[in-house]
Protein backbone atom coordinates (compact mmCIF):
# COMPACT_ATOMS: atom_id res chain seq x y z
CA MET A 1 23.62 59.35 29.69
CA ALA A 2 22.35 58.05 26.38
CA LYS A 3 25.76 58.88 24.92
CA THR A 4 27.58 56.55 27.32
CA HIS A 5 25.44 53.55 26.28
CA ARG A 6 26.06 54.23 22.60
CA ALA A 7 29.81 54.54 22.93
CA PRO A 8 30.37 51.00 24.25
CA ARG A 9 28.01 49.60 21.61
CA ALA A 10 29.78 51.41 18.80
CA ARG A 11 33.15 50.28 20.15
CA LEU A 12 31.87 46.67 20.37
CA LEU A 13 30.65 46.82 16.75
CA GLN A 14 33.99 48.21 15.60
CA MET A 15 35.89 45.46 17.44
CA THR A 16 33.61 42.77 15.99
CA ALA A 17 34.06 44.16 12.47
CA ALA A 18 37.84 44.30 12.93
CA ALA A 19 37.95 40.70 14.20
CA SER A 20 35.83 39.54 11.25
CA ALA A 21 38.07 41.36 8.78
CA LEU A 22 41.15 39.82 10.40
CA ALA A 23 39.69 36.30 10.21
CA LEU A 24 38.68 36.88 6.57
CA ALA A 25 42.15 38.14 5.68
CA ALA A 26 43.74 35.09 7.31
CA ALA A 27 41.45 32.77 5.39
CA CYS A 28 42.27 34.49 2.08
CA ALA A 29 46.01 34.45 2.69
CA PRO A 30 48.05 32.11 0.45
CA SER A 31 48.63 29.71 3.30
CA GLY A 32 45.00 29.96 4.44
CA LEU A 33 43.79 28.63 7.74
CA LYS A 34 45.04 25.22 8.76
CA GLN A 35 42.57 22.39 8.28
CA ASP A 36 42.03 20.41 11.44
CA LYS A 37 41.10 16.75 11.07
CA GLY A 38 37.92 17.18 13.07
CA SER A 39 36.90 20.45 11.41
CA PRO A 40 33.41 20.62 9.91
CA TRP A 41 34.64 22.98 7.16
CA ALA A 42 35.68 21.71 3.74
CA PRO A 43 39.36 22.12 2.86
CA GLY A 44 40.28 24.71 0.25
CA GLU A 45 41.47 23.97 -3.26
CA ASP A 46 45.00 22.71 -3.77
CA HIS A 47 46.35 24.90 -6.57
CA ARG A 48 49.72 23.14 -6.56
CA GLN A 49 48.52 20.09 -8.52
CA GLN A 50 48.93 19.78 -12.28
CA ALA A 51 45.78 19.79 -14.36
CA GLU A 52 45.06 16.64 -16.37
CA ASP A 53 46.08 16.85 -20.03
CA SER A 54 43.09 17.89 -22.14
CA LEU A 55 43.81 15.11 -24.66
CA VAL A 56 43.50 12.48 -21.93
CA VAL A 57 40.31 14.10 -20.67
CA GLY A 58 38.89 14.19 -24.21
CA HIS A 59 39.59 10.48 -24.76
CA ARG A 60 38.00 9.58 -21.43
CA LEU A 61 34.91 11.62 -22.24
CA MET A 62 34.64 10.00 -25.68
CA ALA A 63 34.83 6.56 -24.05
CA ALA A 64 32.02 7.64 -21.73
CA GLY A 65 29.89 8.80 -24.67
CA GLU A 66 30.09 12.48 -23.66
CA HIS A 67 30.85 13.79 -27.14
CA GLU A 68 30.04 17.47 -26.51
CA LEU A 69 32.30 17.63 -23.45
CA ALA A 70 34.99 15.68 -25.31
CA LEU A 71 34.89 18.24 -28.12
CA GLU A 72 35.44 21.01 -25.58
CA ALA A 73 38.39 19.09 -24.09
CA PHE A 74 39.96 18.52 -27.52
CA THR A 75 39.47 22.22 -28.32
CA ARG A 76 41.36 23.10 -25.12
CA ALA A 77 44.04 20.58 -26.13
CA ALA A 78 44.48 22.48 -29.39
CA LEU A 79 45.53 25.52 -27.35
CA ASP A 80 48.19 23.49 -25.52
CA HIS A 81 49.40 21.18 -28.31
CA GLY A 82 48.39 22.93 -31.51
CA LEU A 83 46.36 21.29 -34.28
CA THR A 84 48.25 18.00 -34.27
CA ALA A 85 46.95 14.87 -35.95
CA GLU A 86 45.80 13.55 -32.57
CA VAL A 87 43.91 16.74 -31.70
CA LEU A 88 42.28 16.88 -35.15
CA SER A 89 41.37 13.20 -34.91
CA GLY A 90 39.84 13.69 -31.47
CA MET A 91 37.84 16.71 -32.59
CA GLY A 92 36.66 14.89 -35.72
CA SER A 93 35.68 11.80 -33.74
CA ALA A 94 33.73 13.94 -31.26
CA LYS A 95 31.93 15.69 -34.14
CA LEU A 96 31.11 12.28 -35.61
CA GLY A 97 29.65 11.22 -32.27
CA LEU A 98 27.52 14.38 -32.34
CA ARG A 99 26.34 13.48 -35.87
CA ARG A 100 27.96 16.59 -37.37
CA LEU A 101 29.12 14.52 -40.31
CA GLY A 102 30.41 17.23 -42.66
CA GLN A 103 32.52 18.83 -39.96
CA ALA A 104 33.75 15.41 -38.80
CA GLU A 105 34.81 14.45 -42.32
CA GLU A 106 36.73 17.70 -42.79
CA LEU A 107 38.59 17.39 -39.46
CA LEU A 108 39.40 13.71 -40.01
CA ARG A 109 40.72 14.43 -43.52
CA ARG A 110 43.03 17.03 -41.99
CA ALA A 111 44.17 14.50 -39.37
CA VAL A 112 44.95 11.94 -42.08
CA ASP A 113 46.83 14.57 -44.10
CA ALA A 114 48.83 15.52 -40.98
CA ASP A 115 49.86 11.89 -40.34
CA PRO A 116 49.13 9.59 -43.31
CA ALA A 117 50.74 6.58 -41.59
CA TRP A 118 48.39 6.61 -38.60
CA PRO A 119 45.53 4.12 -39.10
CA GLU A 120 43.20 5.33 -36.32
CA PRO A 121 42.09 8.64 -37.87
CA MET A 122 41.94 6.90 -41.24
CA ASN A 123 39.46 4.39 -39.79
CA ASN A 124 37.40 7.18 -38.28
CA LEU A 125 37.39 9.01 -41.62
CA GLY A 126 36.11 5.80 -43.21
CA VAL A 127 33.28 5.71 -40.67
CA ALA A 128 32.41 9.35 -41.42
CA LEU A 129 32.34 8.59 -45.13
CA MET A 130 30.10 5.55 -44.54
CA GLU A 131 27.73 7.68 -42.49
CA ARG A 132 27.57 10.23 -45.32
CA GLY A 133 26.80 7.54 -47.92
CA LYS A 134 30.22 7.72 -49.63
CA THR A 135 30.64 3.95 -49.49
CA ALA A 136 33.18 3.43 -52.30
CA GLU A 137 35.58 6.01 -50.88
CA ALA A 138 35.01 4.66 -47.37
CA VAL A 139 36.05 1.17 -48.52
CA GLN A 140 39.29 2.56 -49.99
CA VAL A 141 40.10 4.53 -46.83
CA LEU A 142 39.30 1.57 -44.56
CA GLN A 143 41.43 -0.77 -46.69
CA ARG A 144 44.39 1.61 -46.28
CA ALA A 145 43.76 1.83 -42.52
CA TYR A 146 43.58 -1.98 -42.29
CA ALA A 147 46.83 -2.36 -44.24
CA LEU A 148 48.63 0.25 -42.11
CA ASP A 149 47.43 -1.51 -38.97
CA ASN A 150 48.63 -4.91 -40.30
CA GLY A 151 45.17 -6.31 -39.59
CA GLU A 152 45.66 -6.07 -35.82
CA SER A 153 42.62 -3.94 -34.96
CA ASP A 154 39.31 -5.75 -34.69
CA ALA A 155 37.46 -2.44 -34.94
CA ILE A 156 39.06 -1.53 -38.27
CA ARG A 157 38.44 -5.03 -39.62
CA ASP A 158 34.77 -4.91 -38.56
CA ASN A 159 34.27 -1.49 -40.14
CA LEU A 160 35.90 -2.68 -43.38
CA ARG A 161 33.66 -5.76 -43.39
CA LEU A 162 30.54 -3.56 -42.98
CA ALA A 163 31.70 -1.19 -45.72
CA LEU A 164 32.43 -4.06 -48.15
CA ALA A 165 29.03 -5.63 -47.46
CA LYS A 166 27.33 -2.31 -48.08
CA LEU A 167 29.30 -1.77 -51.30
CA GLU A 168 28.48 -5.26 -52.61
CA ASN A 169 24.80 -4.97 -51.81
CA PRO A 170 23.75 -1.33 -52.33
CA ALA A 171 20.07 -2.34 -52.47
CA HIS A 172 20.19 -2.78 -48.72
CA SER A 173 21.66 0.64 -48.12
CA GLU A 174 18.53 1.93 -46.39
CA PRO A 175 19.07 2.75 -42.71
CA GLN A 176 19.94 -0.31 -40.67
CA GLN A 177 21.18 -0.79 -37.14
CA GLU A 178 24.88 -0.94 -37.95
CA ASP A 179 27.49 -0.36 -35.32
CA TYR A 180 30.61 1.41 -36.52
CA LYS A 181 33.66 1.52 -34.31
CA LEU A 182 35.84 4.58 -33.96
CA VAL A 183 39.37 3.91 -32.80
CA ARG A 184 41.67 6.14 -30.82
CA GLN A 185 45.36 6.27 -30.12
CA GLY A 186 46.47 3.47 -27.82
CA GLY A 187 44.21 0.81 -29.29
CA GLY A 188 41.01 1.70 -27.48
CA SER A 189 37.83 2.10 -29.45
CA TYR A 190 34.60 4.03 -29.34
CA LEU A 191 31.36 2.60 -30.65
CA ILE A 192 29.20 4.79 -32.87
CA ARG A 193 25.69 3.54 -33.47
CA GLN A 194 23.53 4.76 -36.30
CA ALA A 195 20.64 6.92 -35.24
CA PRO A 196 17.30 5.06 -35.33
């Protein structure tokens, strides 16, 4: 008699397990379960959409002041685009924002070498040089960037003005609250403030 009570229970457990496995398999299928408008469950991911370009993401993160995340985005962009002048400039600008000045200078020099007619990385290299105390070289680099830009960028002009003032009056070269402006492709700018 005890056997007859166990048999229906075992059969019920097997049927429940089979129904659960079937529902799980349907949910994991490529088409998944249909999402009803009134359903309390969150819809699944849509894998058909294109991912945003890592360069665009890096520039947005730089504008938001998220330099570490921007560096990661520019590093991913290097996998997709290679080490182009724009990728090198983005990585160097992110390093500058993180106050890794030696690394920033090296990357920005490579960006300028890759595209010597592009004023934006040249400006950012000038800022890196200013931050490292290489004022005379920074003035030369910023003058070239200003000439290449035909004087159209306020950020490059402001950085050149700060560099010239610092060069003319080296006695006041102790740390001050100076705001240097990094520029990016497309005319936008990032503001880099000296650490207090």
